[in-house]
C-alpha atoms as a PDB file:
ATOM      1  CA  MET A   1     -14.674 124.404 153.476  1.00  0.00           C
ATOM      2  CA  THR A   2     -17.584 124.831 155.876  1.00  0.00           C
ATOM      3  CA  SER A   3     -18.451 122.341 158.581  1.00  0.00           C
ATOM      4  CA  THR A   4     -21.552 121.246 156.644  1.00  0.00           C
ATOM      5  CA  ARG A   5     -19.525 120.682 153.456  1.00  0.00           C
ATOM      6  CA  LYS A   6     -17.074 118.515 155.384  1.00  0.00           C
ATOM      7  CA  THR A   7     -19.978 116.504 156.764  1.00  0.00           C
ATOM      8  CA  ALA A   8     -21.303 115.953 153.243  1.00  0.00           C
ATOM      9  CA  VAL A   9     -17.910 114.689 152.070  1.00  0.00           C
ATOM     10  CA  ILE A  10     -17.484 112.330 155.030  1.00  0.00           C
ATOM     11  CA  VAL A  11     -21.027 110.993 154.668  1.00  0.00           C
ATOM     12  CA  GLY A  12     -20.427 110.406 150.953  1.00  0.00           C
ATOM     13  CA  VAL A  13     -17.227 108.496 151.679  1.00  0.00           C
ATOM     14  CA  LEU A  14     -18.943 106.433 154.384  1.00  0.00           C
ATOM     15  CA  PHE A  15     -21.787 105.528 152.015  1.00  0.00           C
ATOM     16  CA  LEU A  16     -19.316 104.189 149.483  1.00  0.00           C
ATOM     17  CA  THR A  17     -17.291 102.478 152.224  1.00  0.00           C
ATOM     18  CA  GLN A  18     -20.261 100.622 153.691  1.00  0.00           C
ATOM     19  CA  THR A  19     -21.385  99.434 150.249  1.00  0.00           C
ATOM     20  CA  VAL A  20     -17.957  98.186 149.173  1.00  0.00           C
ATOM     21  CA  ALA A  21     -17.225  96.621 152.577  1.00  0.00           C
ATOM     22  CA  PHE A  22     -20.515  94.716 152.625  1.00  0.00           C
ATOM     23  CA  ILE A  23     -20.005  93.421 149.074  1.00  0.00           C
ATOM     24  CA  ILE A  24     -16.518  92.182 149.977  1.00  0.00           C
ATOM     25  CA  ALA A  25     -17.784  90.570 153.195  1.00  0.00           C
ATOM     26  CA  ASP A  26     -20.607  88.777 151.429  1.00  0.00           C
ATOM     27  CA  GLN A  27     -18.381  87.583 148.578  1.00  0.00           C
ATOM     28  CA  LEU A  28     -15.767  86.180 150.955  1.00  0.00           C
ATOM     29  CA  ILE A  29     -18.253  84.367 153.172  1.00  0.00           C
ATOM     30  CA  THR A  30     -20.496  83.188 150.349  1.00  0.00           C
ATOM     31  CA  GLY A  31     -17.461  81.899 148.455  1.00  0.00           C
ATOM     32  CA  VAL A  32     -16.781  79.478 151.301  1.00  0.00           C
ATOM     33  CA  LEU A  33     -20.434  78.489 151.741  1.00  0.00           C
ATOM     34  CA  LYS A  34     -20.765  77.516 148.067  1.00  0.00           C
ATOM     35  CA  ARG A  35     -18.141  74.795 148.348  1.00  0.00           C
ATOM     36  CA  PRO A  36     -19.322  71.172 148.679  1.00  0.00           C
ATOM     37  CA  ASN A  37     -19.193  69.987 152.296  1.00  0.00           C
ATOM     38  CA  TYR A  38     -17.552  73.300 153.148  1.00  0.00           C
ATOM     39  CA  LEU A  39     -17.329  72.729 156.911  1.00  0.00           C
ATOM     40  CA  THR A  40     -14.599  70.114 156.505  1.00  0.00           C
ATOM     41  CA  GLY A  41     -12.462  72.679 154.678  1.00  0.00           C
ATOM     42  CA  VAL A  42     -13.162  75.564 157.043  1.00  0.00           C
ATOM     43  CA  PRO A  43      -9.807  75.362 158.908  1.00  0.00           C
ATOM     44  CA  ALA A  44      -8.084  76.302 155.652  1.00  0.00           C
ATOM     45  CA  ASP A  45     -10.634  79.051 155.064  1.00  0.00           C
ATOM     46  CA  ALA A  46     -10.569  80.445 158.602  1.00  0.00           C
ATOM     47  CA  ASN A  47      -8.740  83.631 157.628  1.00  0.00           C
ATOM     48  CA  THR A  48     -11.140  84.244 154.732  1.00  0.00           C
ATOM     49  CA  LEU A  49     -14.177  83.917 157.006  1.00  0.00           C
ATOM     50  CA  ILE A  50     -12.727  86.140 159.715  1.00  0.00           C
ATOM     51  CA  VAL A  51     -11.715  88.832 157.201  1.00  0.00           C
ATOM     52  CA  GLY A  52     -15.213  88.643 155.726  1.00  0.00           C
ATOM     53  CA  GLY A  53     -16.700  89.120 159.181  1.00  0.00           C
ATOM     54  CA  LEU A  54     -14.450  92.113 159.838  1.00  0.00           C
ATOM     55  CA  PHE A  55     -15.488  93.748 156.555  1.00  0.00           C
ATOM     56  CA  ALA A  56     -19.120  93.284 157.616  1.00  0.00           C
ATOM     57  CA  VAL A  57     -18.324  95.070 160.873  1.00  0.00           C
ATOM     58  CA  VAL A  58     -16.696  97.923 158.918  1.00  0.00           C
ATOM     59  CA  SER A  59     -19.868  98.185 156.839  1.00  0.00           C
ATOM     60  CA  GLY A  60     -22.049  98.305 159.953  1.00  0.00           C
ATOM     61  CA  VAL A  61     -19.886 100.905 161.684  1.00  0.00           C
ATOM     62  CA  ALA A  62     -19.935 103.079 158.546  1.00  0.00           C
ATOM     63  CA  VAL A  63     -23.752 102.919 158.469  1.00  0.00           C
ATOM     64  CA  VAL A  64     -23.964 104.054 162.101  1.00  0.00           C
ATOM     65  CA  GLY A  65     -21.427 106.797 161.390  1.00  0.00           C
ATOM     66  CA  ILE A  66     -23.627 108.110 158.583  1.00  0.00           C
ATOM     67  CA  SER A  67     -26.666 108.343 160.860  1.00  0.00           C
ATOM     68  CA  VAL A  68     -24.715 110.060 163.645  1.00  0.00           C
ATOM     69  CA  LEU A  69     -23.189 112.644 161.297  1.00  0.00           C
ATOM     70  CA  LEU A  70     -26.554 113.373 159.682  1.00  0.00           C
ATOM     71  CA  PHE A  71     -28.435 113.650 162.973  1.00  0.00           C
ATOM     72  CA  PRO A  72     -27.661 117.365 163.600  1.00  0.00           C
ATOM     73  CA  LEU A  73     -28.762 118.207 160.053  1.00  0.00           C
ATOM     74  CA  LEU A  74     -31.917 116.071 160.130  1.00  0.00           C
ATOM     75  CA  LYS A  75     -32.955 116.928 163.690  1.00  0.00           C
ATOM     76  CA  PRO A  76     -34.557 120.329 162.828  1.00  0.00           C
ATOM     77  CA  THR A  77     -36.813 118.574 160.301  1.00  0.00           C
ATOM     78  CA  SER A  78     -38.024 115.888 162.722  1.00  0.00           C
ATOM     79  CA  GLU A  79     -36.112 114.977 165.855  1.00  0.00           C
ATOM     80  CA  PRO A  80     -38.100 111.739 166.456  1.00  0.00           C
ATOM     81  CA  LEU A  81     -37.450 110.518 162.915  1.00  0.00           C
ATOM     82  CA  ALA A  82     -33.787 111.561 163.034  1.00  0.00           C
ATOM     83  CA  LEU A  83     -33.329 109.736 166.334  1.00  0.00           C
ATOM     84  CA  GLY A  84     -35.234 106.756 164.975  1.00  0.00           C
ATOM     85  CA  TYR A  85     -32.867 106.662 162.016  1.00  0.00           C
ATOM     86  CA  VAL A  86     -29.845 106.511 164.334  1.00  0.00           C
ATOM     87  CA  CYS A  87     -31.444 103.776 166.460  1.00  0.00           C
ATOM     88  CA  GLU A  88     -32.357 101.726 163.383  1.00  0.00           C
ATOM     89  CA  ARG A  89     -28.799 101.884 162.098  1.00  0.00           C
ATOM     90  CA  VAL A  90     -27.460 100.798 165.509  1.00  0.00           C
ATOM     91  CA  ILE A  91     -29.794  97.788 165.348  1.00  0.00           C
ATOM     92  CA  GLU A  92     -28.419  97.030 161.893  1.00  0.00           C
ATOM     93  CA  LEU A  93     -24.872  97.108 163.281  1.00  0.00           C
ATOM     94  CA  VAL A  94     -25.815  94.752 166.126  1.00  0.00           C
ATOM     95  CA  LEU A  95     -27.353  92.282 163.670  1.00  0.00           C
ATOM     96  CA  GLN A  96     -24.253  92.384 161.508  1.00  0.00           C
ATOM     97  CA  LEU A  97     -22.067  91.743 164.549  1.00  0.00           C
ATOM     98  CA  LEU A  98     -24.252  88.803 165.601  1.00  0.00           C
ATOM     99  CA  PHE A  99     -24.528  87.080 162.252  1.00  0.00           C
ATOM    100  CA  PHE A 100     -21.701  88.180 159.980  1.00  0.00           C
ATOM    101  CA  LEU A 101     -19.055  87.882 162.687  1.00  0.00           C
ATOM    102  CA  MET A 102     -20.433  85.237 165.054  1.00  0.00           C
ATOM    103  CA  VAL A 103     -21.573  82.796 162.342  1.00  0.00           C
ATOM    104  CA  PRO A 104     -18.144  82.688 160.631  1.00  0.00           C
ATOM    105  CA  LEU A 105     -16.513  82.187 164.042  1.00  0.00           C
ATOM    106  CA  LEU A 106     -18.968  79.345 164.733  1.00  0.00           C
ATOM    107  CA  MET A 107     -18.119  77.811 161.386  1.00  0.00           C
ATOM    108  CA  VAL A 108     -14.404  77.986 162.206  1.00  0.00           C
ATOM    109  CA  ALA A 109     -15.008  76.327 165.597  1.00  0.00           C
ATOM    110  CA  ILE A 110     -17.007  73.496 163.999  1.00  0.00           C
ATOM    111  CA  GLY A 111     -14.424  73.055 161.244  1.00  0.00           C
ATOM    112  CA  ASN A 112     -11.632  72.802 163.802  1.00  0.00           C
ATOM    113  CA  GLY A 113     -13.663  70.264 165.763  1.00  0.00           C
ATOM    114  CA  LEU A 114     -14.148  68.151 162.645  1.00  0.00           C
ATOM    115  CA  ARG A 115     -10.417  68.332 161.932  1.00  0.00           C
ATOM    116  CA  ASP A 116      -9.445  67.387 165.476  1.00  0.00           C
ATOM    117  CA  GLY A 117     -12.057  64.660 165.749  1.00  0.00           C
ATOM    118  CA  THR A 118     -13.902  66.268 168.673  1.00  0.00           C
ATOM    119  CA  ILE A 119     -16.991  66.662 166.486  1.00  0.00           C
ATOM    120  CA  ALA A 120     -18.469  63.726 164.543  1.00  0.00           C
ATOM    121  CA  ALA A 121     -18.069  63.829 160.764  1.00  0.00           C
ATOM    122  CA  SER A 122     -21.826  63.390 160.359  1.00  0.00           C
ATOM    123  CA  THR A 123     -22.221  66.824 161.932  1.00  0.00           C
ATOM    124  CA  SER A 124     -20.871  68.442 158.777  1.00  0.00           C
ATOM    125  CA  ALA A 125     -23.654  66.969 156.664  1.00  0.00           C
ATOM    126  CA  SER A 126     -26.366  68.127 159.070  1.00  0.00           C
ATOM    127  CA  LEU A 127     -25.065  71.528 160.174  1.00  0.00           C
ATOM    128  CA  GLY A 128     -23.636  72.672 156.844  1.00  0.00           C
ATOM    129  CA  PRO A 129     -26.986  73.280 155.118  1.00  0.00           C
ATOM    130  CA  VAL A 130     -28.407  74.853 158.294  1.00  0.00           C
ATOM    131  CA  LEU A 131     -25.636  77.441 158.558  1.00  0.00           C
ATOM    132  CA  LYS A 132     -25.865  78.230 154.850  1.00  0.00           C
ATOM    133  CA  ALA A 133     -29.640  78.696 155.098  1.00  0.00           C
ATOM    134  CA  LEU A 134     -29.123  80.924 158.149  1.00  0.00           C
ATOM    135  CA  HIS A 135     -26.657  83.079 156.218  1.00  0.00           C
ATOM    136  CA  ASP A 136     -29.075  83.413 153.290  1.00  0.00           C
ATOM    137  CA  GLN A 137     -31.923  84.466 155.575  1.00  0.00           C
ATOM    138  CA  VAL A 138     -29.725  86.966 157.399  1.00  0.00           C
ATOM    139  CA  ILE A 139     -28.864  88.572 154.062  1.00  0.00           C
ATOM    140  CA  VAL A 140     -32.580  89.019 153.385  1.00  0.00           C
ATOM    141  CA  VAL A 141     -33.374  90.349 156.870  1.00  0.00           C
ATOM    142  CA  VAL A 142     -30.359  92.635 157.342  1.00  0.00           C
ATOM    143  CA  LEU A 143     -29.576  93.741 153.803  1.00  0.00           C
ATOM    144  CA  TYR A 144     -33.096  94.019 152.467  1.00  0.00           C
ATOM    145  CA  LEU A 145     -35.655  94.423 155.245  1.00  0.00           C
ATOM    146  CA  VAL A 146     -33.750  96.233 158.012  1.00  0.00           C
ATOM    147  CA  THR A 147     -31.783  98.382 155.577  1.00  0.00           C
ATOM    148  CA  SER A 148     -35.002  99.292 153.762  1.00  0.00           C
ATOM    149  CA  VAL A 149     -36.622 100.604 156.938  1.00  0.00           C
ATOM    150  CA  GLY A 150     -33.659 102.856 157.666  1.00  0.00           C
ATOM    151  CA  GLY A 151     -33.506 103.931 154.037  1.00  0.00           C
ATOM    152  CA  VAL A 152     -37.169 104.937 153.991  1.00  0.00           C
ATOM    153  CA  ILE A 153     -36.693 107.050 157.133  1.00  0.00           C
ATOM    154  CA  LEU A 154     -33.615 108.725 155.614  1.00  0.00           C
ATOM    155  CA  SER A 155     -35.367 109.396 152.312  1.00  0.00           C
ATOM    156  CA  VAL A 156     -38.360 111.008 154.034  1.00  0.00           C
ATOM    157  CA  LEU A 157     -36.061 113.230 156.080  1.00  0.00           C
ATOM    158  CA  LEU A 158     -34.014 114.208 153.027  1.00  0.00           C
ATOM    159  CA  TYR A 159     -37.194 115.036 151.111  1.00  0.00           C
ATOM    160  CA  ARG A 160     -38.600 117.218 153.876  1.00  0.00           C
ATOM    161  CA  SER A 161     -35.313 118.929 154.755  1.00  0.00           C
ATOM    162  CA  LEU A 162     -34.327 119.748 151.144  1.00  0.00           C
ATOM    163  CA  LEU A 163     -30.740 118.799 151.979  1.00  0.00           C
ATOM    164  CA  VAL A 164     -30.555 117.125 148.575  1.00  0.00           C
ATOM    165  CA  PRO A 165     -32.740 117.563 145.455  1.00  0.00           C
ATOM    166  CA  ARG A 166     -36.188 116.116 145.986  1.00  0.00           C
ATOM    167  CA  TRP A 167     -35.912 113.882 142.919  1.00  0.00           C
ATOM    168  CA  LEU A 168     -32.992 112.141 144.620  1.00  0.00           C
ATOM    169  CA  ALA A 169     -34.922 111.704 147.871  1.00  0.00           C
ATOM    170  CA  VAL A 170     -37.886 110.327 145.887  1.00  0.00           C
ATOM    171  CA  LEU A 171     -35.567 107.853 144.152  1.00  0.00           C
ATOM    172  CA  GLY A 172     -34.403 106.685 147.565  1.00  0.00           C
ATOM    173  CA  LEU A 173     -37.948 106.357 148.892  1.00  0.00           C
ATOM    174  CA  ILE A 174     -39.085 104.345 145.878  1.00  0.00           C
ATOM    175  CA  GLY A 175     -35.905 102.274 145.887  1.00  0.00           C
ATOM    176  CA  TYR A 176     -36.134 101.256 149.537  1.00  0.00           C
ATOM    177  CA  LEU A 177     -39.862 100.500 149.359  1.00  0.00           C
ATOM    178  CA  VAL A 178     -39.258  98.288 146.324  1.00  0.00           C
ATOM    179  CA  LEU A 179     -36.341  96.629 148.130  1.00  0.00           C
ATOM    180  CA  PHE A 180     -38.509  95.972 151.186  1.00  0.00           C
ATOM    181  CA  ALA A 181     -41.176  94.391 148.990  1.00  0.00           C
ATOM    182  CA  GLY A 182     -38.531  92.231 147.336  1.00  0.00           C
ATOM    183  CA  GLY A 183     -37.194  91.137 150.727  1.00  0.00           C
ATOM    184  CA  VAL A 184     -40.663  90.085 151.874  1.00  0.00           C
ATOM    185  CA  LEU A 185     -41.279  88.141 148.657  1.00  0.00           C
ATOM    186  CA  ASP A 186     -37.846  86.514 148.999  1.00  0.00           C
ATOM    187  CA  MET A 187     -38.621  85.381 152.554  1.00  0.00           C
ATOM    188  CA  PHE A 188     -41.721  83.593 151.259  1.00  0.00           C
ATOM    189  CA  ALA A 189     -39.770  82.077 148.342  1.00  0.00           C
ATOM    190  CA  VAL A 190     -41.848  83.976 145.769  1.00  0.00           C
ATOM    191  CA  THR A 191     -38.701  85.401 144.159  1.00  0.00           C
ATOM    192  CA  ASP A 192     -34.943  85.502 144.601  1.00  0.00           C
ATOM    193  CA  VAL A 193     -33.646  89.069 144.678  1.00  0.00           C
ATOM    194  CA  THR A 194     -30.073  87.933 144.096  1.00  0.00           C
ATOM    195  CA  LYS A 195     -30.547  86.661 140.548  1.00  0.00           C
ATOM    196  CA  GLY A 196     -32.739  86.737 137.465  1.00  0.00           C
ATOM    197  CA  ALA A 197     -35.853  88.876 137.406  1.00  0.00           C
ATOM    198  CA  GLY A 198     -35.591  89.343 141.179  1.00  0.00           C
ATOM    199  CA  LEU A 199     -32.665  91.717 140.682  1.00  0.00           C
ATOM    200  CA  ILE A 200     -35.122  94.400 139.608  1.00  0.00           C
ATOM    201  CA  PHE A 201     -36.006  94.881 143.295  1.00  0.00           C
ATOM    202  CA  ILE A 202     -32.424  95.955 144.009  1.00  0.00           C
ATOM    203  CA  VAL A 203     -31.868  98.353 141.105  1.00  0.00           C
ATOM    204  CA  PRO A 204     -33.678 101.538 142.327  1.00  0.00           C
ATOM    205  CA  GLY A 205     -32.170 101.421 145.818  1.00  0.00           C
ATOM    206  CA  GLY A 206     -28.763 100.583 144.379  1.00  0.00           C
ATOM    207  CA  LEU A 207     -28.927 103.612 142.109  1.00  0.00           C
ATOM    208  CA  PHE A 208     -29.795 105.831 145.069  1.00  0.00           C
ATOM    209  CA  GLU A 209     -26.881 104.522 147.149  1.00  0.00           C
ATOM    210  CA  LEU A 210     -24.551 105.195 144.219  1.00  0.00           C
ATOM    211  CA  ILE A 211     -25.880 108.604 143.160  1.00  0.00           C
ATOM    212  CA  LEU A 212     -26.292 110.050 146.679  1.00  0.00           C
ATOM    213  CA  PRO A 213     -22.638 109.756 147.782  1.00  0.00           C
ATOM    214  CA  ILE A 214     -21.418 110.996 144.393  1.00  0.00           C
ATOM    215  CA  TRP A 215     -23.763 113.977 144.718  1.00  0.00           C
ATOM    216  CA  LEU A 216     -22.562 114.708 148.257  1.00  0.00           C
ATOM    217  CA  LEU A 217     -18.903 114.495 147.232  1.00  0.00           C
ATOM    218  CA  ALA A 218     -19.408 116.720 144.201  1.00  0.00           C
ATOM    219  CA  LYS A 219     -21.986 119.244 145.389  1.00  0.00           C
ATOM    220  CA  GLY A 220     -22.587 118.741 149.108  1.00  0.00           C
ATOM    221  CA  PHE A 221     -25.895 119.535 150.745  1.00  0.00           C
ATOM    222  CA  ASN A 222     -28.337 121.947 149.143  1.00  0.00           C
ATOM    223  CA  PRO A 223     -27.330 125.493 150.224  1.00  0.00           C
ATOM    224  CA  SER A 224     -30.957 126.596 149.974  1.00  0.00           C
ATOM    225  CA  SER A 225     -31.908 124.220 152.772  1.00  0.00           C
ATOM    226  CA  GLN A 226     -32.835 126.137 155.921  1.00  0.00           C
ATOM    227  CA  THR A 227     -30.913 123.596 157.982  1.00  0.00           C
ATOM    228  CA  VAL A 228     -27.692 124.103 156.043  1.00  0.00           C
ATOM    229  CA  ALA A 229     -28.166 127.864 155.787  1.00  0.00           C
ATOM    230  CA  GLY A 230     -28.675 128.208 159.530  1.00  0.00           C
ATOM    231  CA  LYS A 231     -25.675 126.002 160.321  1.00  0.00           C
ATOM    232  CA  ASP A 232     -23.393 127.895 157.940  1.00  0.00           C
ATOM    233  CA  ASP A 233     -24.573 131.259 159.319  1.00  0.00           C
ATOM    234  CA  ARG A 234     -23.615 130.155 162.822  1.00  0.00           C
ATOM    235  CA  GLN A 235     -20.228 128.956 161.472  1.00  0.00           C
ATOM    236  CA  THR A 236     -19.677 132.387 159.872  1.00  0.00           C
ATOM    237  CA  VAL A 237     -20.478 134.178 163.106  1.00  0.00           C
ATOM    238  CA  ARG A 238     -17.992 132.052 165.049  1.00  0.00           C
ATOM    239  CA  THR A 239     -15.218 132.552 162.507  1.00  0.00           C
ATOM    240  CA  GLY A 240     -16.020 136.146 161.515  1.00  0.00           C
END
């Protein structure tokens, strides 16, 4: 197995890892937030919130790992764009650390204060909706808007580099642009991309993030790509 083939496999695994980890994180945290007056029950849910936050961190680290592994392959196509893709994914990780880890920890601290009596019970009624609204907005900003920007950059680079079939890169470009539009509309309360007709904004990008890793695991990067061909030629020279 060549170095480039190994990269394709690892990137495919990381894509699936970040998707699954984020879904688990969101389900765990959202499950707590949906409960009536949830802050008063947070001490009992502390482990659930912390585990959810850790899964979000795993998702963010996987996203950064993808960009770092792809950088050498994308750099010959456009170094500024490839570097921009890495930087954007680092920003995404930072946002996930700030909101999906810090917010659950804040919730646990408030819940413990309510239990111990160091925080007034009325605080639960006022802060509960605020924290839930903050979580919902973070989902829109991080999952839809920030992710879309990075996805568009990646799709353009994949299209130009021919690392994967162009139809797949086009699917990604369309998917992330549609997702970005949905995120903007969601922010202005025009639609809700998490249910009903709003789910249509997620479908194209979701298909891309499912098909791409499967393609990479099964077929790897396009051998006709000049980037891959040049890298494999250098590998052959070193091992020949």
